[in-house]
Amino acid sequence: MQLPAMAFAQALLALPETLAANSGLSAAAAAQTLKTLQAQQNCPYLGIDCMQLGTHDMREQEVWEPLASKRQQILLATQVVKMILKIDDVICANEE
């Protein structure tokens, strides 16, 4: 069960990496810095700041994202992946 959870966590890390890359930052470095600072400061509100280029407290920047919205996005993304995997299983079964 650990491997799927780790893969899911890695997939979620693509969000800040993409945001950092689109802002002109190093995606890997920004994501690693974000994870490290969140762990050290025990602050889940740290995020990638596209305007000042770095990691800042999103509450201070007045960036808000409702939990219900984020939960729904993750739920829908998970359902899409499950559907794709089911389709892939059907195609593989037909090829044999």
N, C-alpha and C. Protein backbone atom coordinates (compact mmCIF):
# COMPACT_ATOMS: atom_id res chain seq x y z
N MET A 1 0.82 -1.20 0.00
CA MET A 1 0.00 0.00 0.00
C MET A 1 0.86 1.26 0.00
N GLN A 2 2.11 1.15 0.44
CA GLN A 2 2.96 2.33 0.50
C GLN A 2 3.33 2.83 -0.89
N LEU A 3 3.58 1.93 -1.81
CA LEU A 3 4.00 2.35 -3.15
C LEU A 3 2.93 3.18 -3.87
N PRO A 4 1.66 2.77 -3.86
CA PRO A 4 0.64 3.62 -4.49
C PRO A 4 0.51 4.98 -3.80
N ALA A 5 0.61 5.01 -2.48
CA ALA A 5 0.51 6.28 -1.76
C ALA A 5 1.67 7.20 -2.11
N MET A 6 2.87 6.63 -2.24
CA MET A 6 4.04 7.43 -2.62
C MET A 6 3.91 7.95 -4.04
N ALA A 7 3.38 7.12 -4.94
CA ALA A 7 3.19 7.55 -6.32
C ALA A 7 2.14 8.66 -6.40
N PHE A 8 1.09 8.54 -5.60
CA PHE A 8 0.06 9.58 -5.57
C PHE A 8 0.63 10.89 -5.03
N ALA A 9 1.43 10.81 -3.98
CA ALA A 9 2.07 12.00 -3.41
C ALA A 9 3.00 12.64 -4.43
N GLN A 10 3.73 11.83 -5.17
CA GLN A 10 4.63 12.35 -6.20
C GLN A 10 3.84 13.04 -7.30
N ALA A 11 2.69 12.49 -7.65
CA ALA A 11 1.85 13.12 -8.68
C ALA A 11 1.33 14.47 -8.20
N LEU A 12 0.98 14.57 -6.93
CA LEU A 12 0.50 15.85 -6.38
C LEU A 12 1.61 16.90 -6.38
N LEU A 13 2.85 16.44 -6.29
CA LEU A 13 3.98 17.37 -6.30
C LEU A 13 4.16 18.03 -7.66
N ALA A 14 3.53 17.47 -8.69
CA ALA A 14 3.62 18.07 -10.03
C ALA A 14 2.97 19.45 -10.06
N LEU A 15 2.01 19.70 -9.17
CA LEU A 15 1.33 21.01 -9.15
C LEU A 15 2.29 22.15 -8.82
N PRO A 16 2.99 22.12 -7.69
CA PRO A 16 3.92 23.22 -7.42
C PRO A 16 5.11 23.24 -8.38
N GLU A 17 5.52 22.06 -8.87
CA GLU A 17 6.63 22.02 -9.83
C GLU A 17 6.24 22.73 -11.13
N THR A 18 5.04 22.49 -11.61
CA THR A 18 4.57 23.14 -12.83
C THR A 18 4.43 24.64 -12.63
N LEU A 19 3.90 25.03 -11.49
CA LEU A 19 3.75 26.45 -11.18
C LEU A 19 5.12 27.14 -11.14
N ALA A 20 6.09 26.48 -10.51
CA ALA A 20 7.44 27.04 -10.44
C ALA A 20 8.07 27.15 -11.82
N ALA A 21 7.94 26.11 -12.62
CA ALA A 21 8.53 26.12 -13.97
C ALA A 21 7.90 27.21 -14.83
N ASN A 22 6.60 27.39 -14.73
CA ASN A 22 5.92 28.43 -15.50
C ASN A 22 6.29 29.84 -15.02
N SER A 23 6.83 29.93 -13.81
CA SER A 23 7.24 31.23 -13.26
C SER A 23 8.71 31.53 -13.54
N GLY A 24 9.38 30.60 -14.19
CA GLY A 24 10.79 30.79 -14.50
C GLY A 24 11.73 30.29 -13.42
N LEU A 25 11.20 29.57 -12.44
CA LEU A 25 12.02 29.00 -11.38
C LEU A 25 12.41 27.57 -11.74
N SER A 26 13.41 27.06 -11.08
CA SER A 26 13.77 25.65 -11.23
C SER A 26 12.69 24.82 -10.53
N ALA A 27 12.02 23.97 -11.28
CA ALA A 27 10.89 23.21 -10.73
C ALA A 27 11.32 22.32 -9.57
N ALA A 28 12.39 21.56 -9.76
CA ALA A 28 12.83 20.63 -8.72
C ALA A 28 13.31 21.37 -7.48
N ALA A 29 14.09 22.43 -7.68
CA ALA A 29 14.62 23.18 -6.53
C ALA A 29 13.49 23.87 -5.76
N ALA A 30 12.54 24.46 -6.48
CA ALA A 30 11.44 25.15 -5.81
C ALA A 30 10.58 24.17 -5.02
N ALA A 31 10.29 23.01 -5.60
CA ALA A 31 9.47 22.02 -4.90
C ALA A 31 10.20 21.49 -3.66
N GLN A 32 11.50 21.24 -3.79
CA GLN A 32 12.27 20.75 -2.64
C GLN A 32 12.34 21.81 -1.55
N THR A 33 12.56 23.06 -1.93
CA THR A 33 12.59 24.15 -0.96
C THR A 33 11.25 24.28 -0.25
N LEU A 34 10.17 24.18 -1.02
CA LEU A 34 8.83 24.27 -0.45
C LEU A 34 8.59 23.16 0.57
N LYS A 35 8.92 21.92 0.21
CA LYS A 35 8.73 20.80 1.13
C LYS A 35 9.56 20.97 2.40
N THR A 36 10.80 21.40 2.24
CA THR A 36 11.69 21.58 3.38
C THR A 36 11.18 22.67 4.32
N LEU A 37 10.80 23.82 3.75
CA LEU A 37 10.31 24.92 4.58
C LEU A 37 8.99 24.57 5.28
N GLN A 38 8.11 23.86 4.57
CA GLN A 38 6.85 23.46 5.20
C GLN A 38 7.10 22.54 6.39
N ALA A 39 8.07 21.64 6.25
CA ALA A 39 8.39 20.72 7.35
C ALA A 39 9.08 21.45 8.50
N GLN A 40 10.04 22.33 8.18
CA GLN A 40 10.78 23.05 9.22
C GLN A 40 9.89 24.01 10.00
N GLN A 41 9.07 24.75 9.29
CA GLN A 41 8.24 25.78 9.92
C GLN A 41 6.87 25.26 10.35
N ASN A 42 6.57 24.01 9.99
CA ASN A 42 5.27 23.41 10.29
C ASN A 42 4.15 24.35 9.83
N CYS A 43 4.29 24.85 8.60
CA CYS A 43 3.33 25.81 8.05
C CYS A 43 2.81 25.29 6.71
N PRO A 44 1.57 24.81 6.67
CA PRO A 44 1.02 24.30 5.41
C PRO A 44 0.64 25.39 4.42
N TYR A 45 0.76 26.65 4.83
CA TYR A 45 0.33 27.76 3.97
C TYR A 45 1.44 28.28 3.07
N LEU A 46 2.63 27.72 3.18
CA LEU A 46 3.71 28.14 2.30
C LEU A 46 3.43 27.63 0.89
N GLY A 47 3.77 28.44 -0.09
CA GLY A 47 3.53 28.04 -1.47
C GLY A 47 4.47 28.77 -2.41
N ILE A 48 4.37 28.45 -3.69
CA ILE A 48 5.18 29.08 -4.72
C ILE A 48 4.57 30.44 -5.04
N ASP A 49 5.36 31.49 -4.90
CA ASP A 49 4.91 32.84 -5.20
C ASP A 49 5.42 33.22 -6.58
N CYS A 50 4.52 33.32 -7.54
CA CYS A 50 4.89 33.61 -8.93
C CYS A 50 5.27 35.07 -9.14
N MET A 51 4.79 35.95 -8.29
CA MET A 51 5.04 37.38 -8.48
C MET A 51 6.40 37.79 -7.91
N GLN A 52 6.70 37.34 -6.70
CA GLN A 52 7.97 37.71 -6.08
C GLN A 52 9.02 36.62 -6.27
N LEU A 53 8.65 35.57 -6.99
CA LEU A 53 9.55 34.46 -7.33
C LEU A 53 10.25 33.87 -6.11
N GLY A 54 9.55 33.01 -5.44
CA GLY A 54 10.10 32.32 -4.29
C GLY A 54 9.01 31.61 -3.53
N THR A 55 9.33 31.25 -2.31
CA THR A 55 8.38 30.57 -1.44
C THR A 55 7.94 31.54 -0.35
N HIS A 56 6.65 31.77 -0.27
CA HIS A 56 6.11 32.71 0.71
C HIS A 56 4.83 32.15 1.32
N ASP A 57 4.43 32.75 2.44
CA ASP A 57 3.18 32.39 3.10
C ASP A 57 2.03 32.91 2.24
N MET A 58 1.21 32.02 1.75
CA MET A 58 0.13 32.41 0.84
C MET A 58 -0.96 33.21 1.55
N ARG A 59 -1.07 33.06 2.87
CA ARG A 59 -2.05 33.88 3.61
C ARG A 59 -1.65 35.35 3.55
N GLU A 60 -0.35 35.62 3.68
CA GLU A 60 0.13 37.00 3.61
C GLU A 60 -0.06 37.58 2.21
N GLN A 61 0.00 36.72 1.20
CA GLN A 61 -0.17 37.16 -0.19
C GLN A 61 -1.66 37.23 -0.57
N GLU A 62 -2.51 36.83 0.38
CA GLU A 62 -3.96 36.80 0.17
C GLU A 62 -4.37 35.88 -0.99
N VAL A 63 -3.71 34.73 -1.03
CA VAL A 63 -4.06 33.69 -2.01
C VAL A 63 -4.88 32.65 -1.25
N TRP A 64 -6.12 32.46 -1.68
CA TRP A 64 -7.02 31.54 -0.99
C TRP A 64 -7.53 30.51 -1.98
N GLU A 65 -7.56 29.28 -1.53
CA GLU A 65 -8.14 28.21 -2.34
C GLU A 65 -9.00 27.36 -1.40
N PRO A 66 -10.29 27.35 -1.64
CA PRO A 66 -11.19 26.63 -0.73
C PRO A 66 -10.90 25.13 -0.69
N LEU A 67 -11.00 24.56 0.50
CA LEU A 67 -10.76 23.13 0.68
C LEU A 67 -11.72 22.31 -0.18
N ALA A 68 -12.97 22.71 -0.25
CA ALA A 68 -13.95 21.96 -1.04
C ALA A 68 -13.54 21.91 -2.51
N SER A 69 -13.01 23.00 -3.02
CA SER A 69 -12.56 23.05 -4.40
C SER A 69 -11.38 22.11 -4.62
N LYS A 70 -10.40 22.18 -3.75
CA LYS A 70 -9.21 21.33 -3.87
C LYS A 70 -9.59 19.86 -3.74
N ARG A 71 -10.46 19.55 -2.78
CA ARG A 71 -10.90 18.17 -2.58
C ARG A 71 -11.58 17.63 -3.85
N GLN A 72 -12.44 18.44 -4.46
CA GLN A 72 -13.15 18.02 -5.67
C GLN A 72 -12.18 17.82 -6.83
N GLN A 73 -11.18 18.69 -6.96
CA GLN A 73 -10.19 18.55 -8.03
C GLN A 73 -9.42 17.24 -7.89
N ILE A 74 -9.00 16.93 -6.68
CA ILE A 74 -8.24 15.70 -6.45
C ILE A 74 -9.12 14.49 -6.67
N LEU A 75 -10.37 14.54 -6.23
CA LEU A 75 -11.30 13.44 -6.43
C LEU A 75 -11.53 13.18 -7.91
N LEU A 76 -11.77 14.24 -8.68
CA LEU A 76 -12.00 14.07 -10.12
C LEU A 76 -10.76 13.54 -10.83
N ALA A 77 -9.59 14.04 -10.46
CA ALA A 77 -8.35 13.56 -11.08
C ALA A 77 -8.14 12.08 -10.79
N THR A 78 -8.44 11.67 -9.57
CA THR A 78 -8.30 10.26 -9.20
C THR A 78 -9.28 9.40 -9.98
N GLN A 79 -10.50 9.86 -10.15
CA GLN A 79 -11.49 9.11 -10.92
C GLN A 79 -11.09 8.97 -12.38
N VAL A 80 -10.51 10.02 -12.95
CA VAL A 80 -10.06 9.96 -14.35
C VAL A 80 -8.96 8.91 -14.50
N VAL A 81 -8.02 8.89 -13.57
CA VAL A 81 -6.93 7.91 -13.63
C VAL A 81 -7.49 6.50 -13.51
N LYS A 82 -8.44 6.29 -12.62
CA LYS A 82 -9.05 4.96 -12.47
C LYS A 82 -9.75 4.54 -13.76
N MET A 83 -10.44 5.47 -14.42
CA MET A 83 -11.12 5.14 -15.68
C MET A 83 -10.10 4.78 -16.76
N ILE A 84 -9.01 5.52 -16.83
CA ILE A 84 -7.98 5.23 -17.83
C ILE A 84 -7.38 3.86 -17.57
N LEU A 85 -7.13 3.52 -16.32
CA LEU A 85 -6.57 2.21 -16.00
C LEU A 85 -7.54 1.09 -16.36
N LYS A 86 -8.84 1.30 -16.15
CA LYS A 86 -9.83 0.29 -16.53
C LYS A 86 -9.85 0.11 -18.04
N ILE A 87 -9.80 1.20 -18.79
CA ILE A 87 -9.79 1.12 -20.25
C ILE A 87 -8.55 0.38 -20.72
N ASP A 88 -7.41 0.67 -20.10
CA ASP A 88 -6.16 0.00 -20.45
C ASP A 88 -6.26 -1.49 -20.19
N ASP A 89 -6.89 -1.88 -19.07
CA ASP A 89 -7.07 -3.30 -18.76
C ASP A 89 -7.93 -3.98 -19.82
N VAL A 90 -8.98 -3.33 -20.28
CA VAL A 90 -9.86 -3.91 -21.31
C VAL A 90 -9.10 -4.07 -22.62
N ILE A 91 -8.35 -3.07 -23.01
CA ILE A 91 -7.58 -3.14 -24.26
C ILE A 91 -6.55 -4.25 -24.17
N CYS A 92 -5.84 -4.36 -23.05
CA CYS A 92 -4.84 -5.42 -22.89
C CYS A 92 -5.49 -6.79 -22.92
N ALA A 93 -6.66 -6.95 -22.34
CA ALA A 93 -7.35 -8.24 -22.34
C ALA A 93 -7.78 -8.62 -23.75
N ASN A 94 -8.19 -7.66 -24.56
CA ASN A 94 -8.60 -7.94 -25.93
C ASN A 94 -7.43 -8.30 -26.82
N GLU A 95 -6.25 -7.79 -26.54
CA GLU A 95 -5.08 -8.07 -27.36
C GLU A 95 -4.59 -9.49 -27.17
N GLU A 96 -4.85 -10.08 -26.02
CA GLU A 96 -4.36 -11.43 -25.74
C GLU A 96 -5.23 -12.47 -26.31
